[in-house]
Amino acid sequence: MPLFKGAASKVILAHLTPARLRRIYEAHQQETEAQALGADWPTFSHYFRACRKKGFYLSRGEMQTDMTGIAAPIFNSDRLVVGSLGLVFESQRSLFLHEDVFGELVVRYAGEVSAKLAAPAG
C-alpha cells in the first residue's frame, strides 16, 4: 500500500505520535504525494490531526478512481496504532450509502478488534 494514499494508510498515519509522524514527514517531504498533503510541517500535521479528530478516514478515488474506502485505526494494549480496518466499495454506490454511518461502523468494529488485542490472553 502507498504510504500517503488511501484510507488504510492515512488513518494509520493520523494516529501515530506527533514525533513519529514528523520523522516520516521529514523523510518523505520532497515526494509529490507527501507535498500534496502539506507543503510544510504545520500544514501536513494539521491534515492528519483533522483525520484523527474524525476517527476515520474516507478516501474517494485515491487508489482507484471509481472506488471509495473508509478506514479506522486498530490499537494494541499500549494504545499504539498497529493497523487499520477498512471498507471499500464502488464510488457510485455512495449515492445510496450514508458514508458517515459506515465510518461509525468501521470505527466500532476497529474498536472491537483493538479491545481483543488489549485483552489478556487466556
PDB file of N, CA and C in Angstrom:
ATOM      1  N   MET A   1       0.844  -1.182   0.000  1.00  0.00           N
ATOM      2  CA  MET A   1       0.000   0.000   0.000  1.00  0.00           C
ATOM      3  C   MET A   1       0.892   1.250   0.000  1.00  0.00           C
ATOM      4  N   PRO A   2       0.512   2.255  -0.763  1.00  0.00           N
ATOM      5  CA  PRO A   2       1.260   3.513  -0.745  1.00  0.00           C
ATOM      6  C   PRO A   2       1.168   4.166   0.642  1.00  0.00           C
ATOM      7  N   LEU A   3       2.199   4.855   1.030  1.00  0.00           N
ATOM      8  CA  LEU A   3       2.251   5.473   2.352  1.00  0.00           C
ATOM      9  C   LEU A   3       1.276   6.637   2.493  1.00  0.00           C
ATOM     10  N   PHE A   4       1.121   7.430   1.447  1.00  0.00           N
ATOM     11  CA  PHE A   4       0.327   8.652   1.544  1.00  0.00           C
ATOM     12  C   PHE A   4      -0.950   8.629   0.708  1.00  0.00           C
ATOM     13  N   LYS A   5      -1.428   7.444   0.361  1.00  0.00           N
ATOM     14  CA  LYS A   5      -2.667   7.320  -0.411  1.00  0.00           C
ATOM     15  C   LYS A   5      -3.554   6.259   0.214  1.00  0.00           C
ATOM     16  N   GLY A   6      -4.838   6.527   0.179  1.00  0.00           N
ATOM     17  CA  GLY A   6      -5.813   5.544   0.616  1.00  0.00           C
ATOM     18  C   GLY A   6      -6.148   5.650   2.097  1.00  0.00           C
ATOM     19  N   ALA A   7      -7.343   5.192   2.408  1.00  0.00           N
ATOM     20  CA  ALA A   7      -7.861   5.291   3.769  1.00  0.00           C
ATOM     21  C   ALA A   7      -7.038   4.487   4.763  1.00  0.00           C
ATOM     22  N   ALA A   8      -6.649   3.273   4.406  1.00  0.00           N
ATOM     23  CA  ALA A   8      -5.925   2.404   5.343  1.00  0.00           C
ATOM     24  C   ALA A   8      -4.629   3.050   5.810  1.00  0.00           C
ATOM     25  N   SER A   9      -3.842   3.564   4.885  1.00  0.00           N
ATOM     26  CA  SER A   9      -2.565   4.181   5.236  1.00  0.00           C
ATOM     27  C   SER A   9      -2.751   5.501   5.972  1.00  0.00           C
ATOM     28  N   LYS A  10      -3.646   6.331   5.479  1.00  0.00           N
ATOM     29  CA  LYS A  10      -3.796   7.662   6.066  1.00  0.00           C
ATOM     30  C   LYS A  10      -4.340   7.621   7.486  1.00  0.00           C
ATOM     31  N   VAL A  11      -5.224   6.687   7.772  1.00  0.00           N
ATOM     32  CA  VAL A  11      -5.756   6.625   9.137  1.00  0.00           C
ATOM     33  C   VAL A  11      -4.680   6.137  10.105  1.00  0.00           C
ATOM     34  N   ILE A  12      -3.782   5.289   9.642  1.00  0.00           N
ATOM     35  CA  ILE A  12      -2.662   4.867  10.490  1.00  0.00           C
ATOM     36  C   ILE A  12      -1.743   6.064  10.742  1.00  0.00           C
ATOM     37  N   LEU A  13      -1.377   6.784   9.697  1.00  0.00           N
ATOM     38  CA  LEU A  13      -0.521   7.957   9.862  1.00  0.00           C
ATOM     39  C   LEU A  13      -1.142   8.966  10.832  1.00  0.00           C
ATOM     40  N   ALA A  14      -2.433   9.159  10.731  1.00  0.00           N
ATOM     41  CA  ALA A  14      -3.123  10.132  11.584  1.00  0.00           C
ATOM     42  C   ALA A  14      -3.039   9.780  13.065  1.00  0.00           C
ATOM     43  N   HIS A  15      -2.854   8.510  13.366  1.00  0.00           N
ATOM     44  CA  HIS A  15      -2.855   8.084  14.762  1.00  0.00           C
ATOM     45  C   HIS A  15      -1.468   7.742  15.301  1.00  0.00           C
ATOM     46  N   LEU A  16      -0.439   8.089  14.540  1.00  0.00           N
ATOM     47  CA  LEU A  16       0.921   7.958  15.045  1.00  0.00           C
ATOM     48  C   LEU A  16       1.196   9.093  16.029  1.00  0.00           C
ATOM     49  N   THR A  17       2.205   8.905  16.861  1.00  0.00           N
ATOM     50  CA  THR A  17       2.592  10.010  17.747  1.00  0.00           C
ATOM     51  C   THR A  17       3.079  11.168  16.878  1.00  0.00           C
ATOM     52  N   PRO A  18       2.923  12.395  17.350  1.00  0.00           N
ATOM     53  CA  PRO A  18       3.410  13.535  16.555  1.00  0.00           C
ATOM     54  C   PRO A  18       4.887  13.423  16.192  1.00  0.00           C
ATOM     55  N   ALA A  19       5.713  12.942  17.101  1.00  0.00           N
ATOM     56  CA  ALA A  19       7.148  12.814  16.809  1.00  0.00           C
ATOM     57  C   ALA A  19       7.397  11.817  15.685  1.00  0.00           C
ATOM     58  N   ARG A  20       6.693  10.707  15.730  1.00  0.00           N
ATOM     59  CA  ARG A  20       6.877   9.693  14.675  1.00  0.00           C
ATOM     60  C   ARG A  20       6.362  10.202  13.333  1.00  0.00           C
ATOM     61  N   LEU A  21       5.211  10.875  13.342  1.00  0.00           N
ATOM     62  CA  LEU A  21       4.671  11.433  12.105  1.00  0.00           C
ATOM     63  C   LEU A  21       5.630  12.472  11.531  1.00  0.00           C
ATOM     64  N   ARG A  22       6.227  13.268  12.402  1.00  0.00           N
ATOM     65  CA  ARG A  22       7.174  14.285  11.913  1.00  0.00           C
ATOM     66  C   ARG A  22       8.399  13.636  11.273  1.00  0.00           C
ATOM     67  N   ARG A  23       8.901  12.546  11.843  1.00  0.00           N
ATOM     68  CA  ARG A  23      10.049  11.850  11.239  1.00  0.00           C
ATOM     69  C   ARG A  23       9.683  11.314   9.860  1.00  0.00           C
ATOM     70  N   ILE A  24       8.477  10.802   9.723  1.00  0.00           N
ATOM     71  CA  ILE A  24       8.022  10.305   8.412  1.00  0.00           C
ATOM     72  C   ILE A  24       7.938  11.470   7.439  1.00  0.00           C
ATOM     73  N   TYR A  25       7.362  12.584   7.888  1.00  0.00           N
ATOM     74  CA  TYR A  25       7.270  13.764   7.031  1.00  0.00           C
ATOM     75  C   TYR A  25       8.659  14.212   6.569  1.00  0.00           C
ATOM     76  N   GLU A  26       9.577  14.312   7.495  1.00  0.00           N
ATOM     77  CA  GLU A  26      10.925  14.781   7.147  1.00  0.00           C
ATOM     78  C   GLU A  26      11.629  13.835   6.175  1.00  0.00           C
ATOM     79  N   ALA A  27      11.369  12.551   6.300  1.00  0.00           N
ATOM     80  CA  ALA A  27      11.996  11.571   5.405  1.00  0.00           C
ATOM     81  C   ALA A  27      11.383  11.590   4.005  1.00  0.00           C
ATOM     82  N   HIS A  28      10.140  12.067   3.889  1.00  0.00           N
ATOM     83  CA  HIS A  28       9.425  11.986   2.610  1.00  0.00           C
ATOM     84  C   HIS A  28       8.935  13.335   2.095  1.00  0.00           C
ATOM     85  N   GLN A  29       9.336  14.436   2.720  1.00  0.00           N
ATOM     86  CA  GLN A  29       8.752  15.738   2.386  1.00  0.00           C
ATOM     87  C   GLN A  29       8.980  16.187   0.950  1.00  0.00           C
ATOM     88  N   GLN A  30       9.950  15.625   0.269  1.00  0.00           N
ATOM     89  CA  GLN A  30      10.204  16.009  -1.120  1.00  0.00           C
ATOM     90  C   GLN A  30       9.361  15.208  -2.113  1.00  0.00           C
ATOM     91  N   GLU A  31       8.683  14.172  -1.625  1.00  0.00           N
ATOM     92  CA  GLU A  31       7.869  13.333  -2.509  1.00  0.00           C
ATOM     93  C   GLU A  31       6.559  14.043  -2.852  1.00  0.00           C
ATOM     94  N   THR A  32       6.130  13.891  -4.068  1.00  0.00           N
ATOM     95  CA  THR A  32       4.921  14.553  -4.557  1.00  0.00           C
ATOM     96  C   THR A  32       3.700  14.217  -3.704  1.00  0.00           C
ATOM     97  N   GLU A  33       3.538  12.951  -3.338  1.00  0.00           N
ATOM     98  CA  GLU A  33       2.358  12.544  -2.560  1.00  0.00           C
ATOM     99  C   GLU A  33       2.352  13.172  -1.171  1.00  0.00           C
ATOM    100  N   ALA A  34       3.517  13.329  -0.559  1.00  0.00           N
ATOM    101  CA  ALA A  34       3.600  13.986   0.749  1.00  0.00           C
ATOM    102  C   ALA A  34       3.326  15.478   0.607  1.00  0.00           C
ATOM    103  N   GLN A  35       3.873  16.096  -0.418  1.00  0.00           N
ATOM    104  CA  GLN A  35       3.660  17.525  -0.636  1.00  0.00           C
ATOM    105  C   GLN A  35       2.198  17.843  -0.910  1.00  0.00           C
ATOM    106  N   ALA A  36       1.485  16.904  -1.506  1.00  0.00           N
ATOM    107  CA  ALA A  36       0.061  17.116  -1.779  1.00  0.00           C
ATOM    108  C   ALA A  36      -0.744  17.231  -0.480  1.00  0.00           C
ATOM    109  N   LEU A  37      -0.205  16.688   0.601  1.00  0.00           N
ATOM    110  CA  LEU A  37      -0.890  16.739   1.891  1.00  0.00           C
ATOM    111  C   LEU A  37      -0.484  17.953   2.708  1.00  0.00           C
ATOM    112  N   GLY A  38       0.616  18.575   2.312  1.00  0.00           N
ATOM    113  CA  GLY A  38       1.068  19.767   3.013  1.00  0.00           C
ATOM    114  C   GLY A  38       2.470  20.133   2.583  1.00  0.00           C
ATOM    115  N   ALA A  39       2.644  21.364   2.174  1.00  0.00           N
ATOM    116  CA  ALA A  39       3.951  21.827   1.691  1.00  0.00           C
ATOM    117  C   ALA A  39       4.925  22.074   2.833  1.00  0.00           C
ATOM    118  N   ASP A  40       4.418  22.134   4.057  1.00  0.00           N
ATOM    119  CA  ASP A  40       5.284  22.316   5.218  1.00  0.00           C
ATOM    120  C   ASP A  40       4.741  21.476   6.373  1.00  0.00           C
ATOM    121  N   TRP A  41       5.541  21.346   7.439  1.00  0.00           N
ATOM    122  CA  TRP A  41       5.146  20.506   8.566  1.00  0.00           C
ATOM    123  C   TRP A  41       3.826  20.944   9.207  1.00  0.00           C
ATOM    124  N   PRO A  42       3.590  22.236   9.492  1.00  0.00           N
ATOM    125  CA  PRO A  42       2.313  22.600  10.116  1.00  0.00           C
ATOM    126  C   PRO A  42       1.095  22.201   9.276  1.00  0.00           C
ATOM    127  N   THR A  43       1.166  22.375   7.974  1.00  0.00           N
ATOM    128  CA  THR A  43       0.045  22.018   7.104  1.00  0.00           C
ATOM    129  C   THR A  43      -0.138  20.511   7.052  1.00  0.00           C
ATOM    130  N   PHE A  44       0.951  19.785   6.903  1.00  0.00           N
ATOM    131  CA  PHE A  44       0.939  18.325   6.878  1.00  0.00           C
ATOM    132  C   PHE A  44       0.362  17.784   8.189  1.00  0.00           C
ATOM    133  N   SER A  45       0.837  18.310   9.292  1.00  0.00           N
ATOM    134  CA  SER A  45       0.378  17.880  10.611  1.00  0.00           C
ATOM    135  C   SER A  45      -1.109  18.178  10.804  1.00  0.00           C
ATOM    136  N   HIS A  46      -1.548  19.352  10.374  1.00  0.00           N
ATOM    137  CA  HIS A  46      -2.963  19.732  10.503  1.00  0.00           C
ATOM    138  C   HIS A  46      -3.861  18.771   9.726  1.00  0.00           C
ATOM    139  N   TYR A  47      -3.420  18.370   8.543  1.00  0.00           N
ATOM    140  CA  TYR A  47      -4.183  17.432   7.712  1.00  0.00           C
ATOM    141  C   TYR A  47      -4.480  16.154   8.499  1.00  0.00           C
ATOM    142  N   PHE A  48      -3.464  15.625   9.158  1.00  0.00           N
ATOM    143  CA  PHE A  48      -3.650  14.371   9.889  1.00  0.00           C
ATOM    144  C   PHE A  48      -4.350  14.565  11.236  1.00  0.00           C
ATOM    145  N   ARG A  49      -4.200  15.725  11.856  1.00  0.00           N
ATOM    146  CA  ARG A  49      -4.951  15.996  13.096  1.00  0.00           C
ATOM    147  C   ARG A  49      -6.447  16.009  12.816  1.00  0.00           C
ATOM    148  N   ALA A  50      -6.846  16.568  11.670  1.00  0.00           N
ATOM    149  CA  ALA A  50      -8.265  16.599  11.307  1.00  0.00           C
ATOM    150  C   ALA A  50      -8.799  15.179  11.124  1.00  0.00           C
ATOM    151  N   CYS A  51      -8.005  14.325  10.506  1.00  0.00           N
ATOM    152  CA  CYS A  51      -8.398  12.926  10.334  1.00  0.00           C
ATOM    153  C   CYS A  51      -8.514  12.244  11.688  1.00  0.00           C
ATOM    154  N   ARG A  52      -7.554  12.477  12.550  1.00  0.00           N
ATOM    155  CA  ARG A  52      -7.550  11.851  13.874  1.00  0.00           C
ATOM    156  C   ARG A  52      -8.794  12.265  14.657  1.00  0.00           C
ATOM    157  N   LYS A  53      -9.140  13.542  14.576  1.00  0.00           N
ATOM    158  CA  LYS A  53     -10.304  14.055  15.297  1.00  0.00           C
ATOM    159  C   LYS A  53     -11.590  13.371  14.831  1.00  0.00           C
ATOM    160  N   LYS A  54     -11.696  13.133  13.528  1.00  0.00           N
ATOM    161  CA  LYS A  54     -12.894  12.496  12.984  1.00  0.00           C
ATOM    162  C   LYS A  54     -12.984  11.033  13.404  1.00  0.00           C
ATOM    163  N   GLY A  55     -11.836  10.365  13.548  1.00  0.00           N
ATOM    164  CA  GLY A  55     -11.835   8.974  13.991  1.00  0.00           C
ATOM    165  C   GLY A  55     -11.731   7.959  12.876  1.00  0.00           C
ATOM    166  N   PHE A  56     -12.004   8.404  11.659  1.00  0.00           N
ATOM    167  CA  PHE A  56     -11.859   7.534  10.491  1.00  0.00           C
ATOM    168  C   PHE A  56     -11.463   8.395   9.303  1.00  0.00           C
ATOM    169  N   TYR A  57     -11.036   7.733   8.250  1.00  0.00           N
ATOM    170  CA  TYR A  57     -10.663   8.462   7.040  1.00  0.00           C
ATOM    171  C   TYR A  57     -11.482   7.924   5.879  1.00  0.00           C
ATOM    172  N   LEU A  58     -12.003   8.831   5.072  1.00  0.00           N
ATOM    173  CA  LEU A  58     -12.762   8.476   3.884  1.00  0.00           C
ATOM    174  C   LEU A  58     -11.953   8.887   2.662  1.00  0.00           C
ATOM    175  N   SER A  59     -11.712   7.943   1.799  1.00  0.00           N
ATOM    176  CA  SER A  59     -10.889   8.152   0.605  1.00  0.00           C
ATOM    177  C   SER A  59     -11.746   7.943  -0.635  1.00  0.00           C
ATOM    178  N   ARG A  60     -11.783   8.937  -1.498  1.00  0.00           N
ATOM    179  CA  ARG A  60     -12.514   8.796  -2.763  1.00  0.00           C
ATOM    180  C   ARG A  60     -11.521   8.843  -3.914  1.00  0.00           C
ATOM    181  N   GLY A  61     -11.418   7.749  -4.628  1.00  0.00           N
ATOM    182  CA  GLY A  61     -10.605   7.723  -5.830  1.00  0.00           C
ATOM    183  C   GLY A  61      -9.109   7.829  -5.627  1.00  0.00           C
ATOM    184  N   GLU A  62      -8.625   7.637  -4.431  1.00  0.00           N
ATOM    185  CA  GLU A  62      -7.185   7.767  -4.197  1.00  0.00           C
ATOM    186  C   GLU A  62      -6.410   6.555  -4.706  1.00  0.00           C
ATOM    187  N   MET A  63      -6.965   5.385  -4.552  1.00  0.00           N
ATOM    188  CA  MET A  63      -6.286   4.170  -5.000  1.00  0.00           C
ATOM    189  C   MET A  63      -6.763   3.769  -6.398  1.00  0.00           C
ATOM    190  N   GLN A  64      -8.059   3.857  -6.610  1.00  0.00           N
ATOM    191  CA  GLN A  64      -8.678   3.617  -7.916  1.00  0.00           C
ATOM    192  C   GLN A  64      -9.755   4.661  -8.091  1.00  0.00           C
ATOM    193  N   THR A  65      -9.846   5.223  -9.269  1.00  0.00           N
ATOM    194  CA  THR A  65     -10.736   6.364  -9.478  1.00  0.00           C
ATOM    195  C   THR A  65     -12.198   6.063  -9.173  1.00  0.00           C
ATOM    196  N   ASP A  66     -12.623   4.835  -9.313  1.00  0.00           N
ATOM    197  CA  ASP A  66     -14.037   4.511  -9.126  1.00  0.00           C
ATOM    198  C   ASP A  66     -14.339   3.849  -7.783  1.00  0.00           C
ATOM    199  N   MET A  67     -13.391   3.923  -6.833  1.00  0.00           N
ATOM    200  CA  MET A  67     -13.572   3.257  -5.547  1.00  0.00           C
ATOM    201  C   MET A  67     -13.478   4.253  -4.392  1.00  0.00           C
ATOM    202  N   THR A  68     -14.235   3.954  -3.328  1.00  0.00           N
ATOM    203  CA  THR A  68     -14.218   4.727  -2.092  1.00  0.00           C
ATOM    204  C   THR A  68     -13.810   3.786  -0.965  1.00  0.00           C
ATOM    205  N   GLY A  69     -12.967   4.272  -0.077  1.00  0.00           N
ATOM    206  CA  GLY A  69     -12.545   3.488   1.077  1.00  0.00           C
ATOM    207  C   GLY A  69     -12.777   4.259   2.363  1.00  0.00           C
ATOM    208  N   ILE A  70     -13.133   3.524   3.399  1.00  0.00           N
ATOM    209  CA  ILE A  70     -13.293   4.094   4.735  1.00  0.00           C
ATOM    210  C   ILE A  70     -12.482   3.203   5.669  1.00  0.00           C
ATOM    211  N   ALA A  71     -11.646   3.802   6.510  1.00  0.00           N
ATOM    212  CA  ALA A  71     -10.827   3.015   7.431  1.00  0.00           C
ATOM    213  C   ALA A  71     -10.757   3.677   8.797  1.00  0.00           C
ATOM    214  N   ALA A  72     -10.608   2.834   9.821  1.00  0.00           N
ATOM    215  CA  ALA A  72     -10.447   3.276  11.204  1.00  0.00           C
ATOM    216  C   ALA A  72      -9.230   2.567  11.792  1.00  0.00           C
ATOM    217  N   PRO A  73      -8.594   3.199  12.775  1.00  0.00           N
ATOM    218  CA  PRO A  73      -7.377   2.619  13.334  1.00  0.00           C
ATOM    219  C   PRO A  73      -7.651   1.454  14.276  1.00  0.00           C
ATOM    220  N   ILE A  74      -6.664   0.570  14.346  1.00  0.00           N
ATOM    221  CA  ILE A  74      -6.650  -0.524  15.317  1.00  0.00           C
ATOM    222  C   ILE A  74      -5.458  -0.281  16.236  1.00  0.00           C
ATOM    223  N   PHE A  75      -5.693  -0.410  17.539  1.00  0.00           N
ATOM    224  CA  PHE A  75      -4.676  -0.136  18.542  1.00  0.00           C
ATOM    225  C   PHE A  75      -4.320  -1.398  19.328  1.00  0.00           C
ATOM    226  N   ASN A  76      -3.088  -1.425  19.839  1.00  0.00           N
ATOM    227  CA  ASN A  76      -2.684  -2.526  20.707  1.00  0.00           C
ATOM    228  C   ASN A  76      -2.976  -2.160  22.167  1.00  0.00           C
ATOM    229  N   SER A  77      -2.532  -2.982  23.086  1.00  0.00           N
ATOM    230  CA  SER A  77      -2.823  -2.758  24.503  1.00  0.00           C
ATOM    231  C   SER A  77      -2.163  -1.487  25.048  1.00  0.00           C
ATOM    232  N   ASP A  78      -1.128  -0.997  24.381  1.00  0.00           N
ATOM    233  CA  ASP A  78      -0.470   0.247  24.785  1.00  0.00           C
ATOM    234  C   ASP A  78      -1.080   1.472  24.114  1.00  0.00           C
ATOM    235  N   ARG A  79      -2.190   1.276  23.407  1.00  0.00           N
ATOM    236  CA  ARG A  79      -2.888   2.326  22.655  1.00  0.00           C
ATOM    237  C   ARG A  79      -2.038   2.912  21.542  1.00  0.00           C
ATOM    238  N   LEU A  80      -1.146   2.077  20.980  1.00  0.00           N
ATOM    239  CA  LEU A  80      -0.372   2.468  19.806  1.00  0.00           C
ATOM    240  C   LEU A  80      -1.048   1.885  18.578  1.00  0.00           C
ATOM    241  N   VAL A  81      -1.142   2.667  17.528  1.00  0.00           N
ATOM    242  CA  VAL A  81      -1.784   2.195  16.309  1.00  0.00           C
ATOM    243  C   VAL A  81      -0.940   1.085  15.686  1.00  0.00           C
ATOM    244  N   VAL A  82      -1.592  -0.033  15.357  1.00  0.00           N
ATOM    245  CA  VAL A  82      -0.886  -1.181  14.773  1.00  0.00           C
ATOM    246  C   VAL A  82      -1.463  -1.596  13.420  1.00  0.00           C
ATOM    247  N   GLY A  83      -2.532  -0.960  13.009  1.00  0.00           N
ATOM    248  CA  GLY A  83      -3.151  -1.308  11.737  1.00  0.00           C
ATOM    249  C   GLY A  83      -4.434  -0.535  11.547  1.00  0.00           C
ATOM    250  N   SER A  84      -5.216  -0.979  10.580  1.00  0.00           N
ATOM    251  CA  SER A  84      -6.496  -0.328  10.330  1.00  0.00           C
ATOM    252  C   SER A  84      -7.487  -1.356   9.795  1.00  0.00           C
ATOM    253  N   LEU A  85      -8.743  -1.034   9.977  1.00  0.00           N
ATOM    254  CA  LEU A  85      -9.830  -1.855   9.452  1.00  0.00           C
ATOM    255  C   LEU A  85     -10.547  -1.000   8.420  1.00  0.00           C
ATOM    256  N   GLY A  86     -10.728  -1.546   7.231  1.00  0.00           N
ATOM    257  CA  GLY A  86     -11.312  -0.736   6.172  1.00  0.00           C
ATOM    258  C   GLY A  86     -12.455  -1.401   5.440  1.00  0.00           C
ATOM    259  N   LEU A  87     -13.180  -0.574   4.755  1.00  0.00           N
ATOM    260  CA  LEU A  87     -14.294  -0.982   3.910  1.00  0.00           C
ATOM    261  C   LEU A  87     -14.094  -0.275   2.577  1.00  0.00           C
ATOM    262  N   VAL A  88     -14.211  -1.015   1.493  1.00  0.00           N
ATOM    263  CA  VAL A  88     -14.036  -0.440   0.156  1.00  0.00           C
ATOM    264  C   VAL A  88     -15.267  -0.772  -0.673  1.00  0.00           C
ATOM    265  N   PHE A  89     -15.751   0.202  -1.423  1.00  0.00           N
ATOM    266  CA  PHE A  89     -16.908  -0.031  -2.287  1.00  0.00           C
ATOM    267  C   PHE A  89     -16.828   0.887  -3.506  1.00  0.00           C
ATOM    268  N   GLU A  90     -17.600   0.550  -4.519  1.00  0.00           N
ATOM    269  CA  GLU A  90     -17.637   1.374  -5.729  1.00  0.00           C
ATOM    270  C   GLU A  90     -18.213   2.743  -5.388  1.00  0.00           C
ATOM    271  N   SER A  91     -17.555   3.775  -5.864  1.00  0.00           N
ATOM    272  CA  SER A  91     -17.969   5.138  -5.528  1.00  0.00           C
ATOM    273  C   SER A  91     -19.400   5.440  -5.956  1.00  0.00           C
ATOM    274  N   GLN A  92     -19.866   4.842  -7.041  1.00  0.00           N
ATOM    275  CA  GLN A  92     -21.241   5.105  -7.480  1.00  0.00           C
ATOM    276  C   GLN A  92     -22.258   4.650  -6.431  1.00  0.00           C
ATOM    277  N   ARG A  93     -21.888   3.697  -5.594  1.00  0.00           N
ATOM    278  CA  ARG A  93     -22.789   3.243  -4.538  1.00  0.00           C
ATOM    279  C   ARG A  93     -22.928   4.266  -3.420  1.00  0.00           C
ATOM    280  N   SER A  94     -21.998   5.205  -3.337  1.00  0.00           N
ATOM    281  CA  SER A  94     -22.059   6.192  -2.259  1.00  0.00           C
ATOM    282  C   SER A  94     -23.294   7.084  -2.389  1.00  0.00           C
ATOM    283  N   LEU A  95     -23.912   7.093  -3.549  1.00  0.00           N
ATOM    284  CA  LEU A  95     -25.165   7.830  -3.718  1.00  0.00           C
ATOM    285  C   LEU A  95     -26.267   7.238  -2.848  1.00  0.00           C
ATOM    286  N   PHE A  96     -26.149   5.942  -2.520  1.00  0.00           N
ATOM    287  CA  PHE A  96     -27.179   5.246  -1.769  1.00  0.00           C
ATOM    288  C   PHE A  96     -26.753   4.934  -0.333  1.00  0.00           C
ATOM    289  N   LEU A  97     -25.515   5.267   0.018  1.00  0.00           N
ATOM    290  CA  LEU A  97     -24.971   4.938   1.332  1.00  0.00           C
ATOM    291  C   LEU A  97     -24.681   6.206   2.125  1.00  0.00           C
ATOM    292  N   HIS A  98     -24.878   6.124   3.400  1.00  0.00           N
ATOM    293  CA  HIS A  98     -24.514   7.229   4.279  1.00  0.00           C
ATOM    294  C   HIS A  98     -23.097   6.957   4.768  1.00  0.00           C
ATOM    295  N   GLU A  99     -22.132   7.648   4.175  1.00  0.00           N
ATOM    296  CA  GLU A  99     -20.720   7.366   4.441  1.00  0.00           C
ATOM    297  C   GLU A  99     -20.351   7.569   5.899  1.00  0.00           C
ATOM    298  N   ASP A 100     -20.937   8.554   6.564  1.00  0.00           N
ATOM    299  CA  ASP A 100     -20.627   8.762   7.977  1.00  0.00           C
ATOM    300  C   ASP A 100     -21.128   7.593   8.827  1.00  0.00           C
ATOM    301  N   VAL A 101     -22.250   7.010   8.451  1.00  0.00           N
ATOM    302  CA  VAL A 101     -22.752   5.838   9.172  1.00  0.00           C
ATOM    303  C   VAL A 101     -21.777   4.677   8.997  1.00  0.00           C
ATOM    304  N   PHE A 102     -21.298   4.477   7.791  1.00  0.00           N
ATOM    305  CA  PHE A 102     -20.315   3.414   7.571  1.00  0.00           C
ATOM    306  C   PHE A 102     -19.010   3.729   8.287  1.00  0.00           C
ATOM    307  N   GLY A 103     -18.639   5.000   8.341  1.00  0.00           N
ATOM    308  CA  GLY A 103     -17.453   5.401   9.101  1.00  0.00           C
ATOM    309  C   GLY A 103     -17.594   5.040  10.568  1.00  0.00           C
ATOM    310  N   GLU A 104     -18.757   5.314  11.138  1.00  0.00           N
ATOM    311  CA  GLU A 104     -19.008   4.975  12.546  1.00  0.00           C
ATOM    312  C   GLU A 104     -18.981   3.461  12.759  1.00  0.00           C
ATOM    313  N   LEU A 105     -19.500   2.701  11.812  1.00  0.00           N
ATOM    314  CA  LEU A 105     -19.456   1.236  11.929  1.00  0.00           C
ATOM    315  C   LEU A 105     -18.019   0.720  11.873  1.00  0.00           C
ATOM    316  N   VAL A 106     -17.228   1.261  10.965  1.00  0.00           N
ATOM    317  CA  VAL A 106     -15.830   0.831  10.862  1.00  0.00           C
ATOM    318  C   VAL A 106     -15.098   1.183  12.162  1.00  0.00           C
ATOM    319  N   VAL A 107     -15.364   2.357  12.727  1.00  0.00           N
ATOM    320  CA  VAL A 107     -14.748   2.747  13.996  1.00  0.00           C
ATOM    321  C   VAL A 107     -15.158   1.761  15.097  1.00  0.00           C
ATOM    322  N   ARG A 108     -16.417   1.403  15.146  1.00  0.00           N
ATOM    323  CA  ARG A 108     -16.898   0.485  16.184  1.00  0.00           C
ATOM    324  C   ARG A 108     -16.216  -0.874  16.070  1.00  0.00           C
ATOM    325  N   TYR A 109     -16.165  -1.424  14.863  1.00  0.00           N
ATOM    326  CA  TYR A 109     -15.559  -2.755  14.702  1.00  0.00           C
ATOM    327  C   TYR A 109     -14.048  -2.718  14.867  1.00  0.00           C
ATOM    328  N   ALA A 110     -13.410  -1.636  14.468  1.00  0.00           N
ATOM    329  CA  ALA A 110     -11.976  -1.493  14.734  1.00  0.00           C
ATOM    330  C   ALA A 110     -11.744  -1.415  16.242  1.00  0.00           C
ATOM    331  N   GLY A 111     -12.661  -0.781  16.956  1.00  0.00           N
ATOM    332  CA  GLY A 111     -12.581  -0.722  18.420  1.00  0.00           C
ATOM    333  C   GLY A 111     -12.705  -2.100  19.045  1.00  0.00           C
ATOM    334  N   GLU A 112     -13.568  -2.941  18.467  1.00  0.00           N
ATOM    335  CA  GLU A 112     -13.712  -4.305  18.984  1.00  0.00           C
ATOM    336  C   GLU A 112     -12.432  -5.111  18.759  1.00  0.00           C
ATOM    337  N   VAL A 113     -11.820  -4.944  17.597  1.00  0.00           N
ATOM    338  CA  VAL A 113     -10.552  -5.626  17.329  1.00  0.00           C
ATOM    339  C   VAL A 113      -9.489  -5.114  18.303  1.00  0.00           C
ATOM    340  N   SER A 114      -9.438  -3.820  18.501  1.00  0.00           N
ATOM    341  CA  SER A 114      -8.478  -3.236  19.437  1.00  0.00           C
ATOM    342  C   SER A 114      -8.683  -3.789  20.839  1.00  0.00           C
ATOM    343  N   ALA A 115      -9.937  -3.915  21.266  1.00  0.00           N
ATOM    344  CA  ALA A 115     -10.230  -4.449  22.598  1.00  0.00           C
ATOM    345  C   ALA A 115      -9.748  -5.885  22.738  1.00  0.00           C
ATOM    346  N   LYS A 116      -9.920  -6.673  21.695  1.00  0.00           N
ATOM    347  CA  LYS A 116      -9.440  -8.059  21.728  1.00  0.00           C
ATOM    348  C   LYS A 116      -7.912  -8.114  21.789  1.00  0.00           C
ATOM    349  N   LEU A 117      -7.254  -7.204  21.084  1.00  0.00           N
ATOM    350  CA  LEU A 117      -5.797  -7.148  21.142  1.00  0.00           C
ATOM    351  C   LEU A 117      -5.311  -6.738  22.529  1.00  0.00           C
ATOM    352  N   ALA A 118      -6.073  -5.909  23.203  1.00  0.00           N
ATOM    353  CA  ALA A 118      -5.682  -5.403  24.523  1.00  0.00           C
ATOM    354  C   ALA A 118      -6.034  -6.374  25.640  1.00  0.00           C
ATOM    355  N   ALA A 119      -6.952  -7.303  25.378  1.00  0.00           N
ATOM    356  CA  ALA A 119      -7.403  -8.240  26.424  1.00  0.00           C
ATOM    357  C   ALA A 119      -6.278  -9.232  26.763  1.00  0.00           C
ATOM    358  N   PRO A 120      -6.175  -9.571  28.037  1.00  0.00           N
ATOM    359  CA  PRO A 120      -5.174 -10.567  28.412  1.00  0.00           C
ATOM    360  C   PRO A 120      -5.455 -11.908  27.744  1.00  0.00           C
ATOM    361  N   ALA A 121      -4.394 -12.605  27.388  1.00  0.00           N
ATOM    362  CA  ALA A 121      -4.531 -13.917  26.743  1.00  0.00           C
ATOM    363  C   ALA A 121      -5.132 -14.905  27.731  1.00  0.00           C
ATOM    364  N   GLY A 122      -5.927 -15.802  27.188  1.00  0.00           N
ATOM    365  CA  GLY A 122      -6.444 -16.868  28.036  1.00  0.00           C
ATOM    366  C   GLY A 122      -7.869 -16.802  28.169  1.00  0.00           C
TER     367      GLY A 122
END
